[in-house]
Protein backbone atom coordinates (compact mmCIF):
# COMPACT_ATOMS: atom_id res chain seq x y z
CA UNK A 1 0.00 0.00 0.00
CA UNK A 2 1.50 3.36 -0.94
CA UNK A 3 1.85 6.15 1.62
CA UNK A 4 -0.94 8.33 0.18
CA UNK A 5 -3.45 5.48 0.18
CA UNK A 6 -2.23 4.49 3.63
CA UNK A 7 -2.81 7.98 5.05
CA UNK A 8 -6.28 8.31 3.56
CA UNK A 9 -7.21 4.85 4.83
CA UNK A 10 -6.30 6.10 8.33
CA UNK A 11 -7.79 9.58 8.10
CA UNK A 12 -11.35 8.67 7.09
CA UNK A 13 -11.98 6.07 9.82
CA UNK A 14 -10.06 8.27 12.26
CA UNK A 15 -12.22 11.28 11.41
CA UNK A 16 -15.41 9.24 11.79
CA UNK A 17 -14.24 7.79 15.10
CA UNK A 18 -13.87 11.35 16.38
CA UNK A 19 -16.79 13.21 14.80
CA UNK A 20 -19.58 10.70 15.52
CA UNK A 21 -18.93 10.44 19.29
CA UNK A 22 -18.32 14.21 19.53
CA UNK A 23 -21.64 14.97 17.82
CA UNK A 24 -23.44 12.56 20.14
CA UNK A 25 -21.80 13.98 23.26
CA UNK A 26 -22.31 17.63 22.31
CA UNK A 27 -25.95 16.96 21.41
CA UNK A 28 -26.58 15.20 24.73
CA UNK A 29 -24.92 17.97 26.74
CA UNK A 30 -26.67 20.82 24.88
CA UNK A 31 -30.08 19.17 25.12
CA UNK A 32 -29.39 18.38 28.77
CA UNK A 33 -31.39 15.16 28.61
CA UNK A 34 -30.17 12.88 31.39
CA UNK A 35 -31.19 9.69 29.58
CA UNK A 36 -29.34 10.74 26.41
CA UNK A 37 -26.25 11.78 28.41
CA UNK A 38 -26.34 8.46 30.24
CA UNK A 39 -26.69 6.58 26.96
CA UNK A 40 -23.79 8.45 25.32
CA UNK A 41 -21.59 8.11 28.43
CA UNK A 42 -22.22 4.38 28.74
CA UNK A 43 -22.00 3.69 24.98
CA UNK A 44 -18.71 5.52 24.41
CA UNK A 45 -17.30 4.10 27.65
CA UNK A 46 -18.34 0.56 26.70
CA UNK A 47 -16.78 0.84 23.24
CA UNK A 48 -13.62 2.29 24.80
CA UNK A 49 -13.49 -0.57 27.32
CA UNK A 50 -14.10 -3.09 24.53
CA UNK A 51 -11.25 -1.55 22.56
CA UNK A 52 -9.01 -1.94 25.60
CA UNK A 53 -10.11 -5.57 26.04
CA UNK A 54 -9.17 -6.22 22.42
CA UNK A 55 -5.87 -4.31 22.37
CA UNK A 56 -4.81 -5.19 25.92
CA UNK A 57 -5.82 -8.84 26.14
CA UNK A 58 -6.61 -10.36 22.76
CA UNK A 59 -4.31 -8.40 20.45
CA UNK A 60 -1.31 -8.82 22.76
CA UNK A 61 -1.70 -12.60 22.49
CA UNK A 62 -1.96 -12.46 18.70
CA UNK A 63 1.16 -10.29 18.50
CA UNK A 64 3.25 -12.97 20.15
CA UNK A 65 2.64 -15.31 17.23
CA UNK A 66 3.28 -13.05 14.25
CA UNK A 67 6.43 -11.52 12.81
CA UNK A 68 7.35 -7.87 13.41
CA UNK A 69 6.62 -7.15 9.72
CA UNK A 70 3.11 -8.59 10.11
CA UNK A 71 2.65 -6.61 13.34
CA UNK A 72 3.49 -3.46 11.41
CA UNK A 73 0.89 -4.26 8.73
CA UNK A 74 -1.79 -5.01 11.30
CA UNK A 75 -1.02 -1.92 13.35
CA UNK A 76 -1.24 0.27 10.30
CA UNK A 77 -4.92 -0.69 10.11
CA UNK A 78 -5.46 -0.22 13.85
CA UNK A 79 -3.93 3.27 14.01
CA UNK A 80 -7.27 5.07 13.52
CA UNK A 81 -8.48 3.35 16.69
CA UNK A 82 -5.42 4.12 18.80
CA UNK A 83 -4.66 7.58 17.39
CA UNK A 84 -8.17 8.96 17.09
CA UNK A 85 -10.83 6.95 18.92
CA UNK A 86 -9.12 6.20 22.24
CA UNK A 87 -8.18 9.86 22.93
CA UNK A 88 -11.67 10.98 21.87
CA UNK A 89 -13.34 8.33 24.04
CA UNK A 90 -11.14 9.29 26.97
CA UNK A 91 -12.13 12.95 26.82
CA UNK A 92 -15.80 12.38 26.02
CA UNK A 93 -16.50 9.60 28.52
CA UNK A 94 -15.02 11.68 31.32
CA UNK A 95 -16.68 14.94 30.19
CA UNK A 96 -20.14 13.46 29.61
CA UNK A 97 -19.83 11.58 32.93
CA UNK A 98 -19.16 14.88 34.68
CA UNK A 99 -22.10 16.63 32.99
CA UNK A 100 -24.33 13.64 33.75
CA UNK A 101 -23.38 13.57 37.45
CA UNK A 102 -23.88 17.35 37.63
CA UNK A 103 -27.28 17.15 35.91
CA UNK A 104 -28.33 14.41 38.33
CA UNK A 105 -27.01 16.56 41.19
CA UNK A 106 -24.96 13.69 42.55
CA UNK A 107 -21.48 15.08 41.87
CA UNK A 108 -19.77 16.01 45.12
CA UNK A 109 -16.11 16.69 45.84
CA UNK A 110 -16.78 15.73 49.46
CA UNK A 111 -17.65 12.16 48.45
CA UNK A 112 -14.78 9.68 48.69
CA UNK A 113 -16.31 7.65 45.89
CA UNK A 114 -16.47 10.69 43.61
CA UNK A 115 -12.90 11.62 44.48
CA UNK A 116 -11.85 8.06 43.59
CA UNK A 117 -13.79 8.34 40.31
CA UNK A 118 -12.15 11.68 39.50
CA UNK A 119 -8.71 10.28 40.35
CA UNK A 120 -9.24 7.20 38.19
CA UNK A 121 -10.50 9.41 35.36
CA UNK A 122 -7.28 11.41 35.58
CA UNK A 123 -5.20 8.20 35.59
CA UNK A 124 -7.06 6.99 32.48
CA UNK A 125 -6.39 10.32 30.76
CA UNK A 126 -2.69 10.17 31.66
CA UNK A 127 -2.40 6.63 30.28
CA UNK A 128 -4.08 7.74 27.06
CA UNK A 129 -2.08 10.91 26.52
CA UNK A 130 1.27 9.80 27.96
CA UNK A 131 1.45 6.25 26.58
CA UNK A 132 -1.15 5.25 23.98
CA UNK A 133 -1.42 8.43 21.89
CA UNK A 134 2.34 9.22 21.71
CA UNK A 135 3.12 5.58 20.88
CA UNK A 136 0.51 5.69 18.10
CA UNK A 137 2.04 8.87 16.70
CA UNK A 138 5.47 7.27 16.77
CA UNK A 139 4.18 4.18 14.96
CA UNK A 140 2.52 6.37 12.32
CA UNK A 141 5.81 8.19 11.84
CA UNK A 142 7.77 4.94 11.59
CA UNK A 143 5.32 3.41 9.12
CA UNK A 144 5.77 6.39 6.80
CA UNK A 145 9.48 5.70 6.62
CA UNK A 146 10.56 3.33 3.89
CA UNK A 147 13.11 1.50 6.01
CA UNK A 148 11.64 1.74 9.46
CA UNK A 149 12.78 -0.92 11.87
CA UNK A 150 9.94 -3.36 12.38
CA UNK A 151 11.32 -4.15 15.84
CA UNK A 152 10.90 -0.51 16.85
CA UNK A 153 7.28 -0.58 15.63
CA UNK A 154 6.78 -3.77 17.66
CA UNK A 155 8.13 -2.06 20.76
CA UNK A 156 5.60 0.78 20.46
CA UNK A 157 2.78 -1.68 19.73
CA UNK A 158 3.70 -3.46 22.95
CA UNK A 159 3.51 -0.12 24.82
CA UNK A 160 0.04 0.51 23.42
CA UNK A 161 -1.05 -2.97 24.43
CA UNK A 162 0.25 -2.49 27.98
CA UNK A 163 -1.38 0.94 28.15
CA UNK A 164 -4.71 -0.56 27.10
CA UNK A 165 -4.33 -3.38 29.61
CA UNK A 166 -3.65 -0.82 32.36
CA UNK A 167 -6.67 1.20 31.27
CA UNK A 168 -8.81 -1.93 31.34
CA UNK A 169 -7.89 -2.52 34.98
CA UNK A 170 -8.80 1.05 35.97
CA UNK A 171 -11.98 0.96 33.87
CA UNK A 172 -13.20 -2.14 35.73
CA UNK A 173 -12.57 -0.35 39.04
CA UNK A 174 -14.34 2.76 37.69
CA UNK A 175 -17.34 0.74 36.48
CA UNK A 176 -17.58 -0.91 39.91
CA UNK A 177 -17.59 2.47 41.66
CA UNK A 178 -20.23 3.85 39.28
CA UNK A 179 -22.39 0.75 39.74
CA UNK A 180 -22.12 1.27 43.50
CA UNK A 181 -23.28 4.88 43.09
CA UNK A 182 -26.24 3.88 40.95
CA UNK A 183 -27.39 1.20 43.38
CA UNK A 184 -26.64 2.82 46.76
CA UNK A 185 -26.87 6.58 46.23
C-alpha atoms as a PDB file:
ATOM      1  CA  UNK A   1       0.000   0.000   0.000  1.00  0.00           C
ATOM      2  CA  UNK A   2       1.498   3.357  -0.941  1.00  0.00           C
ATOM      3  CA  UNK A   3       1.851   6.148   1.616  1.00  0.00           C
ATOM      4  CA  UNK A   4      -0.941   8.334   0.178  1.00  0.00           C
ATOM      5  CA  UNK A   5      -3.447   5.479   0.179  1.00  0.00           C
ATOM      6  CA  UNK A   6      -2.231   4.493   3.634  1.00  0.00           C
ATOM      7  CA  UNK A   7      -2.809   7.979   5.051  1.00  0.00           C
ATOM      8  CA  UNK A   8      -6.282   8.306   3.558  1.00  0.00           C
ATOM      9  CA  UNK A   9      -7.211   4.849   4.826  1.00  0.00           C
ATOM     10  CA  UNK A  10      -6.305   6.101   8.329  1.00  0.00           C
ATOM     11  CA  UNK A  11      -7.790   9.584   8.105  1.00  0.00           C
ATOM     12  CA  UNK A  12     -11.354   8.673   7.095  1.00  0.00           C
ATOM     13  CA  UNK A  13     -11.982   6.069   9.824  1.00  0.00           C
ATOM     14  CA  UNK A  14     -10.061   8.271  12.265  1.00  0.00           C
ATOM     15  CA  UNK A  15     -12.217  11.285  11.406  1.00  0.00           C
ATOM     16  CA  UNK A  16     -15.411   9.239  11.787  1.00  0.00           C
ATOM     17  CA  UNK A  17     -14.239   7.787  15.104  1.00  0.00           C
ATOM     18  CA  UNK A  18     -13.873  11.352  16.379  1.00  0.00           C
ATOM     19  CA  UNK A  19     -16.791  13.210  14.797  1.00  0.00           C
ATOM     20  CA  UNK A  20     -19.585  10.696  15.522  1.00  0.00           C
ATOM     21  CA  UNK A  21     -18.931  10.445  19.295  1.00  0.00           C
ATOM     22  CA  UNK A  22     -18.317  14.213  19.535  1.00  0.00           C
ATOM     23  CA  UNK A  23     -21.637  14.972  17.819  1.00  0.00           C
ATOM     24  CA  UNK A  24     -23.445  12.560  20.138  1.00  0.00           C
ATOM     25  CA  UNK A  25     -21.804  13.977  23.260  1.00  0.00           C
ATOM     26  CA  UNK A  26     -22.307  17.629  22.314  1.00  0.00           C
ATOM     27  CA  UNK A  27     -25.945  16.958  21.406  1.00  0.00           C
ATOM     28  CA  UNK A  28     -26.578  15.198  24.728  1.00  0.00           C
ATOM     29  CA  UNK A  29     -24.920  17.972  26.742  1.00  0.00           C
ATOM     30  CA  UNK A  30     -26.668  20.820  24.877  1.00  0.00           C
ATOM     31  CA  UNK A  31     -30.081  19.175  25.123  1.00  0.00           C
ATOM     32  CA  UNK A  32     -29.394  18.375  28.775  1.00  0.00           C
ATOM     33  CA  UNK A  33     -31.392  15.164  28.606  1.00  0.00           C
ATOM     34  CA  UNK A  34     -30.173  12.881  31.391  1.00  0.00           C
ATOM     35  CA  UNK A  35     -31.189   9.691  29.583  1.00  0.00           C
ATOM     36  CA  UNK A  36     -29.345  10.738  26.409  1.00  0.00           C
ATOM     37  CA  UNK A  37     -26.253  11.784  28.405  1.00  0.00           C
ATOM     38  CA  UNK A  38     -26.342   8.460  30.241  1.00  0.00           C
ATOM     39  CA  UNK A  39     -26.685   6.577  26.959  1.00  0.00           C
ATOM     40  CA  UNK A  40     -23.789   8.448  25.320  1.00  0.00           C
ATOM     41  CA  UNK A  41     -21.587   8.114  28.431  1.00  0.00           C
ATOM     42  CA  UNK A  42     -22.222   4.375  28.735  1.00  0.00           C
ATOM     43  CA  UNK A  43     -22.001   3.690  24.984  1.00  0.00           C
ATOM     44  CA  UNK A  44     -18.715   5.520  24.414  1.00  0.00           C
ATOM     45  CA  UNK A  45     -17.302   4.099  27.651  1.00  0.00           C
ATOM     46  CA  UNK A  46     -18.337   0.561  26.700  1.00  0.00           C
ATOM     47  CA  UNK A  47     -16.778   0.838  23.240  1.00  0.00           C
ATOM     48  CA  UNK A  48     -13.616   2.290  24.803  1.00  0.00           C
ATOM     49  CA  UNK A  49     -13.490  -0.566  27.323  1.00  0.00           C
ATOM     50  CA  UNK A  50     -14.102  -3.088  24.534  1.00  0.00           C
ATOM     51  CA  UNK A  51     -11.253  -1.548  22.562  1.00  0.00           C
ATOM     52  CA  UNK A  52      -9.012  -1.941  25.605  1.00  0.00           C
ATOM     53  CA  UNK A  53     -10.114  -5.574  26.035  1.00  0.00           C
ATOM     54  CA  UNK A  54      -9.175  -6.218  22.421  1.00  0.00           C
ATOM     55  CA  UNK A  55      -5.875  -4.314  22.373  1.00  0.00           C
ATOM     56  CA  UNK A  56      -4.813  -5.187  25.925  1.00  0.00           C
ATOM     57  CA  UNK A  57      -5.821  -8.838  26.145  1.00  0.00           C
ATOM     58  CA  UNK A  58      -6.607 -10.358  22.761  1.00  0.00           C
ATOM     59  CA  UNK A  59      -4.306  -8.401  20.449  1.00  0.00           C
ATOM     60  CA  UNK A  60      -1.311  -8.823  22.755  1.00  0.00           C
ATOM     61  CA  UNK A  61      -1.696 -12.604  22.488  1.00  0.00           C
ATOM     62  CA  UNK A  62      -1.958 -12.461  18.696  1.00  0.00           C
ATOM     63  CA  UNK A  63       1.164 -10.291  18.502  1.00  0.00           C
ATOM     64  CA  UNK A  64       3.245 -12.975  20.154  1.00  0.00           C
ATOM     65  CA  UNK A  65       2.642 -15.309  17.228  1.00  0.00           C
ATOM     66  CA  UNK A  66       3.284 -13.046  14.247  1.00  0.00           C
ATOM     67  CA  UNK A  67       6.433 -11.517  12.812  1.00  0.00           C
ATOM     68  CA  UNK A  68       7.349  -7.870  13.410  1.00  0.00           C
ATOM     69  CA  UNK A  69       6.618  -7.146   9.720  1.00  0.00           C
ATOM     70  CA  UNK A  70       3.111  -8.592  10.112  1.00  0.00           C
ATOM     71  CA  UNK A  71       2.650  -6.612  13.337  1.00  0.00           C
ATOM     72  CA  UNK A  72       3.495  -3.463  11.412  1.00  0.00           C
ATOM     73  CA  UNK A  73       0.893  -4.256   8.725  1.00  0.00           C
ATOM     74  CA  UNK A  74      -1.794  -5.013  11.296  1.00  0.00           C
ATOM     75  CA  UNK A  75      -1.015  -1.923  13.354  1.00  0.00           C
ATOM     76  CA  UNK A  76      -1.243   0.272  10.297  1.00  0.00           C
ATOM     77  CA  UNK A  77      -4.915  -0.691  10.114  1.00  0.00           C
ATOM     78  CA  UNK A  78      -5.459  -0.215  13.854  1.00  0.00           C
ATOM     79  CA  UNK A  79      -3.931   3.269  14.007  1.00  0.00           C
ATOM     80  CA  UNK A  80      -7.271   5.070  13.520  1.00  0.00           C
ATOM     81  CA  UNK A  81      -8.484   3.346  16.693  1.00  0.00           C
ATOM     82  CA  UNK A  82      -5.420   4.120  18.795  1.00  0.00           C
ATOM     83  CA  UNK A  83      -4.662   7.577  17.395  1.00  0.00           C
ATOM     84  CA  UNK A  84      -8.167   8.962  17.095  1.00  0.00           C
ATOM     85  CA  UNK A  85     -10.827   6.948  18.920  1.00  0.00           C
ATOM     86  CA  UNK A  86      -9.116   6.199  22.242  1.00  0.00           C
ATOM     87  CA  UNK A  87      -8.176   9.860  22.931  1.00  0.00           C
ATOM     88  CA  UNK A  88     -11.669  10.978  21.870  1.00  0.00           C
ATOM     89  CA  UNK A  89     -13.336   8.325  24.036  1.00  0.00           C
ATOM     90  CA  UNK A  90     -11.141   9.294  26.973  1.00  0.00           C
ATOM     91  CA  UNK A  91     -12.126  12.954  26.822  1.00  0.00           C
ATOM     92  CA  UNK A  92     -15.804  12.384  26.020  1.00  0.00           C
ATOM     93  CA  UNK A  93     -16.496   9.603  28.517  1.00  0.00           C
ATOM     94  CA  UNK A  94     -15.019  11.684  31.323  1.00  0.00           C
ATOM     95  CA  UNK A  95     -16.683  14.942  30.190  1.00  0.00           C
ATOM     96  CA  UNK A  96     -20.135  13.456  29.614  1.00  0.00           C
ATOM     97  CA  UNK A  97     -19.828  11.582  32.926  1.00  0.00           C
ATOM     98  CA  UNK A  98     -19.155  14.883  34.682  1.00  0.00           C
ATOM     99  CA  UNK A  99     -22.101  16.629  32.986  1.00  0.00           C
ATOM    100  CA  UNK A 100     -24.328  13.636  33.754  1.00  0.00           C
ATOM    101  CA  UNK A 101     -23.376  13.570  37.446  1.00  0.00           C
ATOM    102  CA  UNK A 102     -23.875  17.348  37.632  1.00  0.00           C
ATOM    103  CA  UNK A 103     -27.278  17.154  35.913  1.00  0.00           C
ATOM    104  CA  UNK A 104     -28.332  14.408  38.329  1.00  0.00           C
ATOM    105  CA  UNK A 105     -27.011  16.560  41.193  1.00  0.00           C
ATOM    106  CA  UNK A 106     -24.959  13.690  42.552  1.00  0.00           C
ATOM    107  CA  UNK A 107     -21.481  15.082  41.866  1.00  0.00           C
ATOM    108  CA  UNK A 108     -19.769  16.008  45.123  1.00  0.00           C
ATOM    109  CA  UNK A 109     -16.115  16.686  45.839  1.00  0.00           C
ATOM    110  CA  UNK A 110     -16.780  15.726  49.462  1.00  0.00           C
ATOM    111  CA  UNK A 111     -17.649  12.157  48.453  1.00  0.00           C
ATOM    112  CA  UNK A 112     -14.785   9.684  48.694  1.00  0.00           C
ATOM    113  CA  UNK A 113     -16.313   7.653  45.888  1.00  0.00           C
ATOM    114  CA  UNK A 114     -16.467  10.685  43.611  1.00  0.00           C
ATOM    115  CA  UNK A 115     -12.896  11.622  44.478  1.00  0.00           C
ATOM    116  CA  UNK A 116     -11.855   8.060  43.589  1.00  0.00           C
ATOM    117  CA  UNK A 117     -13.789   8.335  40.310  1.00  0.00           C
ATOM    118  CA  UNK A 118     -12.146  11.683  39.495  1.00  0.00           C
ATOM    119  CA  UNK A 119      -8.710  10.276  40.350  1.00  0.00           C
ATOM    120  CA  UNK A 120      -9.237   7.196  38.188  1.00  0.00           C
ATOM    121  CA  UNK A 121     -10.500   9.411  35.361  1.00  0.00           C
ATOM    122  CA  UNK A 122      -7.276  11.407  35.576  1.00  0.00           C
ATOM    123  CA  UNK A 123      -5.200   8.201  35.591  1.00  0.00           C
ATOM    124  CA  UNK A 124      -7.056   6.992  32.479  1.00  0.00           C
ATOM    125  CA  UNK A 125      -6.393  10.318  30.757  1.00  0.00           C
ATOM    126  CA  UNK A 126      -2.695  10.169  31.659  1.00  0.00           C
ATOM    127  CA  UNK A 127      -2.401   6.629  30.277  1.00  0.00           C
ATOM    128  CA  UNK A 128      -4.081   7.741  27.056  1.00  0.00           C
ATOM    129  CA  UNK A 129      -2.084  10.913  26.518  1.00  0.00           C
ATOM    130  CA  UNK A 130       1.271   9.803  27.959  1.00  0.00           C
ATOM    131  CA  UNK A 131       1.449   6.251  26.579  1.00  0.00           C
ATOM    132  CA  UNK A 132      -1.153   5.254  23.976  1.00  0.00           C
ATOM    133  CA  UNK A 133      -1.416   8.428  21.886  1.00  0.00           C
ATOM    134  CA  UNK A 134       2.336   9.224  21.706  1.00  0.00           C
ATOM    135  CA  UNK A 135       3.118   5.580  20.878  1.00  0.00           C
ATOM    136  CA  UNK A 136       0.509   5.689  18.102  1.00  0.00           C
ATOM    137  CA  UNK A 137       2.036   8.874  16.699  1.00  0.00           C
ATOM    138  CA  UNK A 138       5.473   7.273  16.772  1.00  0.00           C
ATOM    139  CA  UNK A 139       4.185   4.179  14.956  1.00  0.00           C
ATOM    140  CA  UNK A 140       2.518   6.368  12.324  1.00  0.00           C
ATOM    141  CA  UNK A 141       5.810   8.194  11.845  1.00  0.00           C
ATOM    142  CA  UNK A 142       7.770   4.939  11.593  1.00  0.00           C
ATOM    143  CA  UNK A 143       5.320   3.407   9.119  1.00  0.00           C
ATOM    144  CA  UNK A 144       5.767   6.391   6.796  1.00  0.00           C
ATOM    145  CA  UNK A 145       9.484   5.696   6.625  1.00  0.00           C
ATOM    146  CA  UNK A 146      10.564   3.327   3.891  1.00  0.00           C
ATOM    147  CA  UNK A 147      13.112   1.499   6.007  1.00  0.00           C
ATOM    148  CA  UNK A 148      11.639   1.743   9.464  1.00  0.00           C
ATOM    149  CA  UNK A 149      12.779  -0.919  11.875  1.00  0.00           C
ATOM    150  CA  UNK A 150       9.936  -3.362  12.384  1.00  0.00           C
ATOM    151  CA  UNK A 151      11.318  -4.148  15.841  1.00  0.00           C
ATOM    152  CA  UNK A 152      10.898  -0.511  16.845  1.00  0.00           C
ATOM    153  CA  UNK A 153       7.281  -0.580  15.625  1.00  0.00           C
ATOM    154  CA  UNK A 154       6.778  -3.773  17.660  1.00  0.00           C
ATOM    155  CA  UNK A 155       8.130  -2.063  20.765  1.00  0.00           C
ATOM    156  CA  UNK A 156       5.602   0.781  20.460  1.00  0.00           C
ATOM    157  CA  UNK A 157       2.781  -1.677  19.727  1.00  0.00           C
ATOM    158  CA  UNK A 158       3.696  -3.457  22.954  1.00  0.00           C
ATOM    159  CA  UNK A 159       3.512  -0.120  24.823  1.00  0.00           C
ATOM    160  CA  UNK A 160       0.037   0.509  23.425  1.00  0.00           C
ATOM    161  CA  UNK A 161      -1.053  -2.974  24.426  1.00  0.00           C
ATOM    162  CA  UNK A 162       0.252  -2.494  27.978  1.00  0.00           C
ATOM    163  CA  UNK A 163      -1.383   0.942  28.151  1.00  0.00           C
ATOM    164  CA  UNK A 164      -4.706  -0.557  27.104  1.00  0.00           C
ATOM    165  CA  UNK A 165      -4.334  -3.384  29.611  1.00  0.00           C
ATOM    166  CA  UNK A 166      -3.652  -0.816  32.357  1.00  0.00           C
ATOM    167  CA  UNK A 167      -6.675   1.199  31.269  1.00  0.00           C
ATOM    168  CA  UNK A 168      -8.808  -1.929  31.342  1.00  0.00           C
ATOM    169  CA  UNK A 169      -7.895  -2.524  34.983  1.00  0.00           C
ATOM    170  CA  UNK A 170      -8.802   1.049  35.966  1.00  0.00           C
ATOM    171  CA  UNK A 171     -11.984   0.957  33.868  1.00  0.00           C
ATOM    172  CA  UNK A 172     -13.197  -2.141  35.727  1.00  0.00           C
ATOM    173  CA  UNK A 173     -12.568  -0.351  39.036  1.00  0.00           C
ATOM    174  CA  UNK A 174     -14.341   2.759  37.689  1.00  0.00           C
ATOM    175  CA  UNK A 175     -17.340   0.737  36.481  1.00  0.00           C
ATOM    176  CA  UNK A 176     -17.577  -0.915  39.908  1.00  0.00           C
ATOM    177  CA  UNK A 177     -17.594   2.468  41.655  1.00  0.00           C
ATOM    178  CA  UNK A 178     -20.227   3.854  39.280  1.00  0.00           C
ATOM    179  CA  UNK A 179     -22.385   0.753  39.741  1.00  0.00           C
ATOM    180  CA  UNK A 180     -22.120   1.266  43.499  1.00  0.00           C
ATOM    181  CA  UNK A 181     -23.282   4.877  43.091  1.00  0.00           C
ATOM    182  CA  UNK A 182     -26.244   3.879  40.946  1.00  0.00           C
ATOM    183  CA  UNK A 183     -27.393   1.200  43.381  1.00  0.00           C
ATOM    184  CA  UNK A 184     -26.645   2.816  46.755  1.00  0.00           C
ATOM    185  CA  UNK A 185     -26.870   6.584  46.232  1.00  0.00           C
END
